[in-house]
PDB file of N, CA and C in Angstrom:
ATOM      1  N   MET A   1       0.938  -1.100  -0.110  1.00  0.00           N
ATOM      2  CA  MET A   1       0.049   0.043   0.017  1.00  0.00           C
ATOM      3  C   MET A   1       0.931   1.176  -0.014  1.00  0.00           C
ATOM      4  N   GLU A   2       0.574   2.211  -0.926  1.00  0.00           N
ATOM      5  CA  GLU A   2       1.360   3.395  -0.986  1.00  0.00           C
ATOM      6  C   GLU A   2       0.821   4.348   0.085  1.00  0.00           C
ATOM      7  N   HIS A   3       1.790   5.148   0.696  1.00  0.00           N
ATOM      8  CA  HIS A   3       1.371   6.107   1.643  1.00  0.00           C
ATOM      9  C   HIS A   3       1.737   7.471   0.863  1.00  0.00           C
ATOM     10  N   GLY A   4       0.759   8.342   0.708  1.00  0.00           N
ATOM     11  CA  GLY A   4       0.836   9.627   0.251  1.00  0.00           C
ATOM     12  C   GLY A   4       0.717  10.848   1.086  1.00  0.00           C
ATOM     13  N   THR A   5       0.471  11.948   0.543  1.00  0.00           N
ATOM     14  CA  THR A   5       0.360  13.070   1.442  1.00  0.00           C
ATOM     15  C   THR A   5      -1.153  13.618   1.245  1.00  0.00           C
ATOM     16  N   VAL A   6      -1.842  13.818   2.377  1.00  0.00           N
ATOM     17  CA  VAL A   6      -3.040  14.430   2.253  1.00  0.00           C
ATOM     18  C   VAL A   6      -3.000  15.873   2.816  1.00  0.00           C
ATOM     19  N   SER A   7      -3.446  16.898   2.133  1.00  0.00           N
ATOM     20  CA  SER A   7      -3.432  18.225   2.743  1.00  0.00           C
ATOM     21  C   SER A   7      -4.862  18.445   3.437  1.00  0.00           C
ATOM     22  N   LEU A   8      -4.768  18.929   4.795  1.00  0.00           N
ATOM     23  CA  LEU A   8      -6.054  19.136   5.512  1.00  0.00           C
ATOM     24  C   LEU A   8      -5.854  20.551   6.057  1.00  0.00           C
ATOM     25  N   THR A   9      -6.919  21.131   6.388  1.00  0.00           N
ATOM     26  CA  THR A   9      -6.969  22.570   7.095  1.00  0.00           C
ATOM     27  C   THR A   9      -6.927  22.651   8.548  1.00  0.00           C
ATOM     28  N   ALA A  10      -5.847  22.997   9.123  1.00  0.00           N
ATOM     29  CA  ALA A  10      -5.770  23.229  10.530  1.00  0.00           C
ATOM     30  C   ALA A  10      -6.232  24.662  10.836  1.00  0.00           C
ATOM     31  N   VAL A  11      -6.858  24.673  11.900  1.00  0.00           N
ATOM     32  CA  VAL A  11      -7.312  26.172  12.333  1.00  0.00           C
ATOM     33  C   VAL A  11      -7.001  26.265  13.806  1.00  0.00           C
ATOM     34  N   TYR A  12      -6.483  27.364  14.254  1.00  0.00           N
ATOM     35  CA  TYR A  12      -6.021  27.561  15.617  1.00  0.00           C
ATOM     36  C   TYR A  12      -6.799  28.837  16.119  1.00  0.00           C
ATOM     37  N   LEU A  13      -7.209  28.772  17.353  1.00  0.00           N
ATOM     38  CA  LEU A  13      -7.819  29.930  18.030  1.00  0.00           C
ATOM     39  C   LEU A  13      -7.135  30.239  19.369  1.00  0.00           C
ATOM     40  N   LYS A  14      -6.820  31.430  19.688  1.00  0.00           N
ATOM     41  CA  LYS A  14      -6.148  31.753  20.840  1.00  0.00           C
ATOM     42  C   LYS A  14      -7.381  32.329  21.704  1.00  0.00           C
ATOM     43  N   LEU A  15      -7.515  31.580  22.855  1.00  0.00           N
ATOM     44  CA  LEU A  15      -8.492  31.925  23.890  1.00  0.00           C
ATOM     45  C   LEU A  15      -7.976  32.029  25.255  1.00  0.00           C
ATOM     46  N   ASP A  16      -7.784  33.285  25.722  1.00  0.00           N
ATOM     47  CA  ASP A  16      -7.159  33.420  27.043  1.00  0.00           C
ATOM     48  C   ASP A  16      -5.666  33.193  26.918  1.00  0.00           C
ATOM     49  N   ALA A  17      -5.037  32.331  27.631  1.00  0.00           N
ATOM     50  CA  ALA A  17      -3.711  31.957  27.576  1.00  0.00           C
ATOM     51  C   ALA A  17      -3.318  30.803  26.822  1.00  0.00           C
ATOM     52  N   GLU A  18      -4.192  30.201  26.114  1.00  0.00           N
ATOM     53  CA  GLU A  18      -3.995  28.883  25.442  1.00  0.00           C
ATOM     54  C   GLU A  18      -4.406  29.066  23.961  1.00  0.00           C
ATOM     55  N   TYR A  19      -3.863  28.097  23.233  1.00  0.00           N
ATOM     56  CA  TYR A  19      -4.357  27.963  21.759  1.00  0.00           C
ATOM     57  C   TYR A  19      -5.112  26.708  21.659  1.00  0.00           C
ATOM     58  N   PHE A  20      -6.180  26.685  20.779  1.00  0.00           N
ATOM     59  CA  PHE A  20      -7.006  25.573  20.532  1.00  0.00           C
ATOM     60  C   PHE A  20      -6.866  25.395  18.990  1.00  0.00           C
ATOM     61  N   GLY A  21      -6.706  24.059  18.588  1.00  0.00           N
ATOM     62  CA  GLY A  21      -6.405  23.681  17.268  1.00  0.00           C
ATOM     63  C   GLY A  21      -7.558  22.700  16.927  1.00  0.00           C
ATOM     64  N   PHE A  22      -8.004  22.645  15.658  1.00  0.00           N
ATOM     65  CA  PHE A  22      -8.816  21.480  15.090  1.00  0.00           C
ATOM     66  C   PHE A  22      -8.624  21.550  13.640  1.00  0.00           C
ATOM     67  N   VAL A  23      -8.938  20.426  13.020  1.00  0.00           N
ATOM     68  CA  VAL A  23      -8.910  20.048  11.769  1.00  0.00           C
ATOM     69  C   VAL A  23     -10.287  20.116  11.095  1.00  0.00           C
ATOM     70  N   GLU A  24     -10.426  21.017  10.049  1.00  0.00           N
ATOM     71  CA  GLU A  24     -11.796  21.375   9.476  1.00  0.00           C
ATOM     72  C   GLU A  24     -12.338  19.936   9.093  1.00  0.00           C
ATOM     73  N   GLU A  25     -11.510  19.123   8.436  1.00  0.00           N
ATOM     74  CA  GLU A  25     -11.973  17.906   7.611  1.00  0.00           C
ATOM     75  C   GLU A  25     -12.233  16.795   8.640  1.00  0.00           C
ATOM     76  N   LEU A  26     -11.608  16.692   9.858  1.00  0.00           N
ATOM     77  CA  LEU A  26     -11.688  15.549  10.775  1.00  0.00           C
ATOM     78  C   LEU A  26     -12.525  16.008  11.958  1.00  0.00           C
ATOM     79  N   PRO A  27     -13.916  15.671  11.892  1.00  0.00           N
ATOM     80  CA  PRO A  27     -14.628  16.128  13.080  1.00  0.00           C
ATOM     81  C   PRO A  27     -14.099  15.460  14.360  1.00  0.00           C
ATOM     82  N   ARG A  28     -14.332  16.075  15.393  1.00  0.00           N
ATOM     83  CA  ARG A  28     -13.894  15.723  16.913  1.00  0.00           C
ATOM     84  C   ARG A  28     -12.364  15.696  17.008  1.00  0.00           C
ATOM     85  N   ILE A  29     -11.668  16.140  16.136  1.00  0.00           N
ATOM     86  CA  ILE A  29     -10.064  16.097  16.385  1.00  0.00           C
ATOM     87  C   ILE A  29      -9.687  17.498  16.751  1.00  0.00           C
ATOM     88  N   ASN A  30      -9.129  17.672  17.991  1.00  0.00           N
ATOM     89  CA  ASN A  30      -8.952  18.966  18.519  1.00  0.00           C
ATOM     90  C   ASN A  30      -7.698  18.841  19.422  1.00  0.00           C
ATOM     91  N   SER A  31      -6.898  19.909  19.555  1.00  0.00           N
ATOM     92  CA  SER A  31      -5.841  19.940  20.494  1.00  0.00           C
ATOM     93  C   SER A  31      -5.725  21.294  21.235  1.00  0.00           C
ATOM     94  N   ARG A  32      -4.822  21.406  22.235  1.00  0.00           N
ATOM     95  CA  ARG A  32      -4.634  22.659  22.754  1.00  0.00           C
ATOM     96  C   ARG A  32      -3.334  22.573  23.198  1.00  0.00           C
ATOM     97  N   GLY A  33      -2.727  23.953  23.493  1.00  0.00           N
ATOM     98  CA  GLY A  33      -1.427  24.028  24.016  1.00  0.00           C
ATOM     99  C   GLY A  33      -1.186  25.607  24.568  1.00  0.00           C
ATOM    100  N   ARG A  34      -0.263  25.800  25.314  1.00  0.00           N
ATOM    101  CA  ARG A  34       0.034  26.973  25.841  1.00  0.00           C
ATOM    102  C   ARG A  34       0.603  27.888  24.724  1.00  0.00           C
ATOM    103  N   THR A  35       1.240  27.394  23.695  1.00  0.00           N
ATOM    104  CA  THR A  35       1.754  28.084  22.498  1.00  0.00           C
ATOM    105  C   THR A  35       1.192  27.552  21.384  1.00  0.00           C
ATOM    106  N   LEU A  36       1.241  28.388  20.170  1.00  0.00           N
ATOM    107  CA  LEU A  36       0.807  27.657  18.948  1.00  0.00           C
ATOM    108  C   LEU A  36       1.613  26.621  18.603  1.00  0.00           C
ATOM    109  N   HIS A  37       2.881  26.617  18.802  1.00  0.00           N
ATOM    110  CA  HIS A  37       3.729  25.535  18.540  1.00  0.00           C
ATOM    111  C   HIS A  37       3.208  24.271  19.226  1.00  0.00           C
ATOM    112  N   GLU A  38       2.867  24.295  20.444  1.00  0.00           N
ATOM    113  CA  GLU A  38       2.376  23.128  21.286  1.00  0.00           C
ATOM    114  C   GLU A  38       1.182  22.648  20.689  1.00  0.00           C
ATOM    115  N   ALA A  39       0.249  23.586  20.357  1.00  0.00           N
ATOM    116  CA  ALA A  39      -1.136  23.166  19.895  1.00  0.00           C
ATOM    117  C   ALA A  39      -0.872  22.384  18.422  1.00  0.00           C
ATOM    118  N   ARG A  40      -0.055  22.978  17.793  1.00  0.00           N
ATOM    119  CA  ARG A  40       0.250  22.476  16.264  1.00  0.00           C
ATOM    120  C   ARG A  40       0.813  21.088  16.531  1.00  0.00           C
ATOM    121  N   ALA A  41       1.794  20.976  17.313  1.00  0.00           N
ATOM    122  CA  ALA A  41       2.426  19.558  17.588  1.00  0.00           C
ATOM    123  C   ALA A  41       1.477  18.469  18.035  1.00  0.00           C
ATOM    124  N   ALA A  42       0.646  18.968  19.048  1.00  0.00           N
ATOM    125  CA  ALA A  42      -0.388  18.044  19.665  1.00  0.00           C
ATOM    126  C   ALA A  42      -1.442  17.565  18.603  1.00  0.00           C
ATOM    127  N   LEU A  43      -1.811  18.563  17.707  1.00  0.00           N
ATOM    128  CA  LEU A  43      -2.693  18.333  16.546  1.00  0.00           C
ATOM    129  C   LEU A  43      -2.172  17.305  15.484  1.00  0.00           C
ATOM    130  N   GLN A  44      -0.890  17.502  15.228  1.00  0.00           N
ATOM    131  CA  GLN A  44      -0.261  16.691  14.165  1.00  0.00           C
ATOM    132  C   GLN A  44      -0.133  15.160  14.957  1.00  0.00           C
ATOM    133  N   THR A  45       0.244  15.107  16.113  1.00  0.00           N
ATOM    134  CA  THR A  45       0.439  13.894  16.748  1.00  0.00           C
ATOM    135  C   THR A  45      -1.040  12.958  16.878  1.00  0.00           C
ATOM    136  N   LEU A  46      -1.992  13.751  17.200  1.00  0.00           N
ATOM    137  CA  LEU A  46      -3.432  13.345  17.397  1.00  0.00           C
ATOM    138  C   LEU A  46      -3.930  12.737  16.058  1.00  0.00           C
ATOM    139  N   ALA A  47      -3.757  13.711  15.066  1.00  0.00           N
ATOM    140  CA  ALA A  47      -4.312  13.110  13.654  1.00  0.00           C
ATOM    141  C   ALA A  47      -3.720  12.006  13.113  1.00  0.00           C
ATOM    142  N   ALA A  48      -2.262  11.909  13.327  1.00  0.00           N
ATOM    143  CA  ALA A  48      -1.543  10.550  12.912  1.00  0.00           C
ATOM    144  C   ALA A  48      -2.062   9.379  13.630  1.00  0.00           C
ATOM    145  N   GLU A  49      -2.387   9.652  15.092  1.00  0.00           N
ATOM    146  CA  GLU A  49      -2.815   8.479  16.015  1.00  0.00           C
ATOM    147  C   GLU A  49      -4.242   7.905  15.410  1.00  0.00           C
ATOM    148  N   VAL A  50      -5.151   8.971  14.980  1.00  0.00           N
ATOM    149  CA  VAL A  50      -6.446   8.599  14.652  1.00  0.00           C
ATOM    150  C   VAL A  50      -6.293   7.773  13.293  1.00  0.00           C
ATOM    151  N   PHE A  51      -5.558   8.273  12.366  1.00  0.00           N
ATOM    152  CA  PHE A  51      -5.471   7.411  11.059  1.00  0.00           C
ATOM    153  C   PHE A  51      -4.776   6.098  11.384  1.00  0.00           C
ATOM    154  N   ALA A  52      -3.776   6.108  12.161  1.00  0.00           N
ATOM    155  CA  ALA A  52      -3.203   4.699  12.514  1.00  0.00           C
ATOM    156  C   ALA A  52      -4.201   3.879  13.144  1.00  0.00           C
ATOM    157  N   GLU A  53      -4.996   4.368  14.102  1.00  0.00           N
ATOM    158  CA  GLU A  53      -6.072   3.597  14.742  1.00  0.00           C
ATOM    159  C   GLU A  53      -7.057   3.056  13.921  1.00  0.00           C
ATOM    160  N   GLU A  54      -7.518   3.891  12.885  1.00  0.00           N
ATOM    161  CA  GLU A  54      -8.550   3.437  11.966  1.00  0.00           C
ATOM    162  C   GLU A  54      -7.920   2.321  11.028  1.00  0.00           C
ATOM    163  N   ARG A  55      -6.596   2.434  10.702  1.00  0.00           N
ATOM    164  CA  ARG A  55      -6.015   1.302   9.850  1.00  0.00           C
ATOM    165  C   ARG A  55      -6.055   0.012  10.666  1.00  0.00           C
ATOM    166  N   ARG A  56      -5.633   0.116  11.926  1.00  0.00           N
ATOM    167  CA  ARG A  56      -5.523  -1.086  12.870  1.00  0.00           C
ATOM    168  C   ARG A  56      -6.856  -1.711  12.914  1.00  0.00           C
ATOM    169  N   THR A  57      -7.963  -0.939  13.230  1.00  0.00           N
ATOM    170  CA  THR A  57      -9.329  -1.390  13.332  1.00  0.00           C
ATOM    171  C   THR A  57      -9.884  -2.193  12.055  1.00  0.00           C
ATOM    172  N   VAL A  58      -9.593  -1.539  10.892  1.00  0.00           N
ATOM    173  CA  VAL A  58      -9.941  -2.248   9.681  1.00  0.00           C
ATOM    174  C   VAL A  58      -9.180  -3.595   9.664  1.00  0.00           C
ATOM    175  N   THR A  59      -7.970  -3.618   9.776  1.00  0.00           N
ATOM    176  CA  THR A  59      -7.142  -4.762   9.836  1.00  0.00           C
ATOM    177  C   THR A  59      -7.575  -5.864  10.722  1.00  0.00           C
ATOM    178  N   GLU A  60      -7.979  -5.496  11.943  1.00  0.00           N
ATOM    179  CA  GLU A  60      -8.268  -6.324  13.147  1.00  0.00           C
ATOM    180  C   GLU A  60      -9.832  -6.911  12.731  1.00  0.00           C
ATOM    181  N   THR A  61     -10.670  -6.211  12.049  1.00  0.00           N
ATOM    182  CA  THR A  61     -11.954  -6.593  12.003  1.00  0.00           C
ATOM    183  C   THR A  61     -12.457  -7.154  10.697  1.00  0.00           C
ATOM    184  N   HIS A  62     -11.411  -7.249   9.762  1.00  0.00           N
ATOM    185  CA  HIS A  62     -11.739  -7.891   8.476  1.00  0.00           C
ATOM    186  C   HIS A  62     -10.657  -8.818   8.229  1.00  0.00           C
ATOM    187  N   THR A  63     -10.999  -9.906   7.472  1.00  0.00           N
ATOM    188  CA  THR A  63      -9.914 -10.895   7.079  1.00  0.00           C
ATOM    189  C   THR A  63      -9.103 -10.352   6.014  1.00  0.00           C
ATOM    190  N   ALA A  64      -7.979 -10.647   5.710  1.00  0.00           N
ATOM    191  CA  ALA A  64      -7.032 -10.094   4.703  1.00  0.00           C
ATOM    192  C   ALA A  64      -7.592 -10.489   3.190  1.00  0.00           C
ATOM    193  N   GLY A  65      -8.449 -11.617   3.289  1.00  0.00           N
ATOM    194  CA  GLY A  65      -8.992 -12.008   1.895  1.00  0.00           C
ATOM    195  C   GLY A  65     -10.158 -11.233   1.430  1.00  0.00           C
ATOM    196  N   SER A  66     -10.766 -10.592   2.528  1.00  0.00           N
ATOM    197  CA  SER A  66     -11.991  -9.657   2.276  1.00  0.00           C
ATOM    198  C   SER A  66     -11.622  -8.262   1.930  1.00  0.00           C
ATOM    199  N   LEU A  67     -10.354  -7.843   2.089  1.00  0.00           N
ATOM    200  CA  LEU A  67     -10.066  -6.542   1.875  1.00  0.00           C
ATOM    201  C   LEU A  67      -9.438  -6.265   0.494  1.00  0.00           C
ATOM    202  N   VAL A  68      -9.793  -5.048  -0.054  1.00  0.00           N
ATOM    203  CA  VAL A  68      -9.096  -4.582  -1.201  1.00  0.00           C
ATOM    204  C   VAL A  68      -8.599  -3.170  -0.915  1.00  0.00           C
ATOM    205  N   ARG A  69      -7.243  -2.924  -0.871  1.00  0.00           N
ATOM    206  CA  ARG A  69      -6.814  -1.752  -0.426  1.00  0.00           C
ATOM    207  C   ARG A  69      -6.059  -1.157  -1.751  1.00  0.00           C
ATOM    208  N   GLU A  70      -6.386   0.257  -1.931  1.00  0.00           N
ATOM    209  CA  GLU A  70      -5.839   1.004  -3.106  1.00  0.00           C
ATOM    210  C   GLU A  70      -5.787   2.317  -2.541  1.00  0.00           C
ATOM    211  N   SER A  71      -4.943   3.012  -3.201  1.00  0.00           N
ATOM    212  CA  SER A  71      -4.719   4.618  -3.078  1.00  0.00           C
ATOM    213  C   SER A  71      -6.143   5.296  -3.479  1.00  0.00           C
ATOM    214  N   PHE A  72      -6.327   6.211  -2.652  1.00  0.00           N
ATOM    215  CA  PHE A  72      -7.510   7.049  -2.896  1.00  0.00           C
ATOM    216  C   PHE A  72      -7.085   8.417  -2.927  1.00  0.00           C
ATOM    217  N   VAL A  73      -7.467   9.036  -4.203  1.00  0.00           N
ATOM    218  CA  VAL A  73      -6.933  10.386  -4.437  1.00  0.00           C
ATOM    219  C   VAL A  73      -8.176  11.492  -4.328  1.00  0.00           C
ATOM    220  N   LEU A  74      -8.051  12.433  -3.435  1.00  0.00           N
ATOM    221  CA  LEU A  74      -9.206  13.324  -3.340  1.00  0.00           C
ATOM    222  C   LEU A  74      -8.803  14.628  -4.324  1.00  0.00           C
ATOM    223  N   ASN A  75      -9.563  14.767  -5.403  1.00  0.00           N
ATOM    224  CA  ASN A  75      -9.380  15.712  -6.268  1.00  0.00           C
ATOM    225  C   ASN A  75      -9.623  17.104  -5.547  1.00  0.00           C
ATOM    226  N   PRO A  76      -8.926  18.214  -5.880  1.00  0.00           N
ATOM    227  CA  PRO A  76      -9.185  19.513  -5.028  1.00  0.00           C
ATOM    228  C   PRO A  76     -10.579  20.094  -5.458  1.00  0.00           C
ATOM    229  N   LEU A  77     -11.220  20.300  -4.369  1.00  0.00           N
ATOM    230  CA  LEU A  77     -12.675  20.947  -4.675  1.00  0.00           C
ATOM    231  C   LEU A  77     -12.602  22.360  -4.270  1.00  0.00           C
ATOM    232  N   GLN A  78     -13.387  23.048  -4.862  1.00  0.00           N
ATOM    233  CA  GLN A  78     -13.426  24.583  -4.572  1.00  0.00           C
ATOM    234  C   GLN A  78     -14.204  24.696  -3.286  1.00  0.00           C
ATOM    235  N   ARG A  79     -13.695  25.610  -2.439  1.00  0.00           N
ATOM    236  CA  ARG A  79     -14.368  25.887  -1.226  1.00  0.00           C
ATOM    237  C   ARG A  79     -15.602  26.803  -1.505  1.00  0.00           C
ATOM    238  N   PRO A  80     -16.659  26.741  -0.736  1.00  0.00           N
ATOM    239  CA  PRO A  80     -17.784  27.539  -0.766  1.00  0.00           C
ATOM    240  C   PRO A  80     -17.174  29.233  -0.626  1.00  0.00           C
ATOM    241  N   GLY A  81     -17.844  29.941  -1.472  1.00  0.00           N
ATOM    242  CA  GLY A  81     -17.297  31.319  -1.336  1.00  0.00           C
ATOM    243  C   GLY A  81     -16.124  31.761  -2.103  1.00  0.00           C
ATOM    244  N   LYS A  82     -15.383  30.731  -2.773  1.00  0.00           N
ATOM    245  CA  LYS A  82     -14.273  30.862  -3.464  1.00  0.00           C
ATOM    246  C   LYS A  82     -14.315  30.613  -4.929  1.00  0.00           C
ATOM    247  N   GLY A  83     -15.417  31.125  -5.635  1.00  0.00           N
ATOM    248  CA  GLY A  83     -15.750  30.990  -7.007  1.00  0.00           C
ATOM    249  C   GLY A  83     -16.484  29.888  -7.311  1.00  0.00           C
ATOM    250  N   ALA A  84     -17.125  29.161  -6.272  1.00  0.00           N
ATOM    251  CA  ALA A  84     -17.768  27.892  -6.514  1.00  0.00           C
ATOM    252  C   ALA A  84     -19.260  28.236  -7.151  1.00  0.00           C
TER     253      ALA A  84
END
């Protein structure tokens, strides 16, 4: 299986003395940190763990013979409000 690069959108909000980060395309994935760097690093780690856990779950719940794995490429979509 090939591992490629997927570009997602991270958003960071500064509230009081902390930064909160989330990924627009991944519901329920969010992080926080005292600095933007900490929030960014935590979000990177968490997103990687979520993808790895999903892969493990699929592998554990389905027999190898029943799986077909292939690369899946998302074509860039225009965002609402940007000429759509």
